[in-house]
C-alpha atoms as a PDB file:
ATOM      1  CA  MET A   1      70.339  35.261  37.253  1.00  0.00           C
ATOM      2  CA  ARG A   2      71.356  31.906  35.842  1.00  0.00           C
ATOM      3  CA  ARG A   3      70.684  33.088  32.301  1.00  0.00           C
ATOM      4  CA  GLY A   4      73.018  36.041  32.802  1.00  0.00           C
ATOM      5  CA  ARG A   5      75.841  33.743  33.876  1.00  0.00           C
ATOM      6  CA  VAL A   6      75.429  31.594  30.766  1.00  0.00           C
ATOM      7  CA  PHE A   7      75.787  34.643  28.509  1.00  0.00           C
ATOM      8  CA  LEU A   8      78.762  35.826  30.538  1.00  0.00           C
ATOM      9  CA  TYR A   9      80.508  32.461  30.179  1.00  0.00           C
ATOM     10  CA  LEU A  10      79.717  32.260  26.459  1.00  0.00           C
ATOM     11  CA  SER A  11      81.060  35.762  25.846  1.00  0.00           C
ATOM     12  CA  LEU A  12      84.196  34.969  27.856  1.00  0.00           C
ATOM     13  CA  ILE A  13      84.781  31.801  25.823  1.00  0.00           C
ATOM     14  CA  LEU A  14      84.233  33.733  22.589  1.00  0.00           C
ATOM     15  CA  VAL A  15      86.718  36.441  23.596  1.00  0.00           C
ATOM     16  CA  LEU A  16      89.309  33.812  24.531  1.00  0.00           C
ATOM     17  CA  LEU A  17      88.826  31.997  21.206  1.00  0.00           C
ATOM     18  CA  VAL A  18      89.210  35.212  19.207  1.00  0.00           C
ATOM     19  CA  ALA A  19      92.326  36.218  21.157  1.00  0.00           C
ATOM     20  CA  GLY A  20      93.816  32.738  20.748  1.00  0.00           C
ATOM     21  CA  GLY A  21      93.079  32.756  17.025  1.00  0.00           C
ATOM     22  CA  TYR A  22      94.731  36.149  16.645  1.00  0.00           C
ATOM     23  CA  LEU A  23      97.842  35.014  18.510  1.00  0.00           C
ATOM     24  CA  LEU A  24      97.999  31.801  16.511  1.00  0.00           C
ATOM     25  CA  TYR A  25      97.720  33.716  13.235  1.00  0.00           C
ATOM     26  CA  THR A  26     100.305  36.360  14.091  1.00  0.00           C
ATOM     27  CA  ASN A  27     102.880  33.915  15.465  1.00  0.00           C
ATOM     28  CA  PHE A  28     102.571  30.867  13.235  1.00  0.00           C
ATOM     29  CA  LEU A  29     100.415  31.413  10.177  1.00  0.00           C
ATOM     30  CA  SER A  30     101.300  34.893   8.958  1.00  0.00           C
ATOM     31  CA  PRO A  31     103.944  35.093   6.235  1.00  0.00           C
ATOM     32  CA  THR A  32     107.223  36.561   7.350  1.00  0.00           C
ATOM     33  CA  ALA A  33     108.794  39.390   5.429  1.00  0.00           C
ATOM     34  CA  GLY A  34     112.071  37.858   4.285  1.00  0.00           C
ATOM     35  CA  SER A  35     114.852  40.015   2.976  1.00  0.00           C
ATOM     36  CA  SER A  36     115.519  39.024  -0.599  1.00  0.00           C
ATOM     37  CA  ASP A  37     118.193  40.790  -2.594  1.00  0.00           C
ATOM     38  CA  ALA A  38     116.672  40.363  -6.039  1.00  0.00           C
ATOM     39  CA  PRO A  39     113.023  40.039  -6.965  1.00  0.00           C
ATOM     40  CA  ALA A  40     111.928  36.642  -8.190  1.00  0.00           C
ATOM     41  CA  GLU A  41     111.711  36.301 -11.951  1.00  0.00           C
ATOM     42  CA  VAL A  42     108.262  35.801 -13.367  1.00  0.00           C
ATOM     43  CA  ALA A  43     108.008  33.377 -16.256  1.00  0.00           C
ATOM     44  CA  ILE A  44     106.335  34.962 -19.267  1.00  0.00           C
ATOM     45  CA  PRO A  45     103.963  32.455 -20.851  1.00  0.00           C
ATOM     46  CA  ASP A  46     104.218  31.811 -24.561  1.00  0.00           C
ATOM     47  CA  ARG A  47     101.427  33.283 -26.621  1.00  0.00           C
ATOM     48  CA  VAL A  48      99.170  30.747 -28.268  1.00  0.00           C
ATOM     49  CA  ASP A  49      96.865  31.578 -31.167  1.00  0.00           C
ATOM     50  CA  ILE A  50      93.354  30.160 -30.896  1.00  0.00           C
ATOM     51  CA  VAL A  51      91.540  29.228 -34.096  1.00  0.00           C
ATOM     52  CA  VAL A  52      87.783  29.872 -34.154  1.00  0.00           C
ATOM     53  CA  ILE A  53      85.106  29.620 -36.800  1.00  0.00           C
ATOM     54  CA  THR A  54      83.816  33.063 -37.823  1.00  0.00           C
ATOM     55  CA  GLN A  55      80.737  32.031 -39.802  1.00  0.00           C
ATOM     56  CA  LYS A  56      77.857  29.672 -39.253  1.00  0.00           C
ATOM     57  CA  ALA A  57      78.666  26.408 -41.008  1.00  0.00           C
ATOM     58  CA  PRO A  58      76.505  23.297 -41.144  1.00  0.00           C
ATOM     59  CA  ARG A  59      77.898  19.977 -39.953  1.00  0.00           C
ATOM     60  CA  GLY A  60      80.210  18.333 -42.470  1.00  0.00           C
ATOM     61  CA  THR A  61      81.382  21.587 -44.090  1.00  0.00           C
ATOM     62  CA  VAL A  62      85.054  21.648 -45.034  1.00  0.00           C
ATOM     63  CA  LEU A  63      86.698  24.469 -43.097  1.00  0.00           C
ATOM     64  CA  ASP A  64      89.277  26.581 -44.903  1.00  0.00           C
ATOM     65  CA  GLU A  65      90.941  29.909 -44.139  1.00  0.00           C
ATOM     66  CA  THR A  66      87.935  31.922 -45.369  1.00  0.00           C
ATOM     67  CA  VAL A  67      85.725  30.800 -42.461  1.00  0.00           C
ATOM     68  CA  LEU A  68      88.418  30.619 -39.771  1.00  0.00           C
ATOM     69  CA  GLY A  69      89.840  33.388 -37.634  1.00  0.00           C
ATOM     70  CA  LEU A  70      92.498  33.797 -34.954  1.00  0.00           C
ATOM     71  CA  ILE A  71      92.059  35.181 -31.491  1.00  0.00           C
END
């Protein structure tokens, strides 16, 4: 009988915590849908070329445009 009461109290506490968390989220933490007239502009990042070596080259080799490539 005592064991049943412990599970009952634990389940009641769990239900209260879940309900409180839901209320806290819906009232304070959820983003509000604001009415904005114009959509926010998204900045377009500049494109940057990346230089990579396209052939196997031993250390100390002078790199010129024949062994380099762009991504």
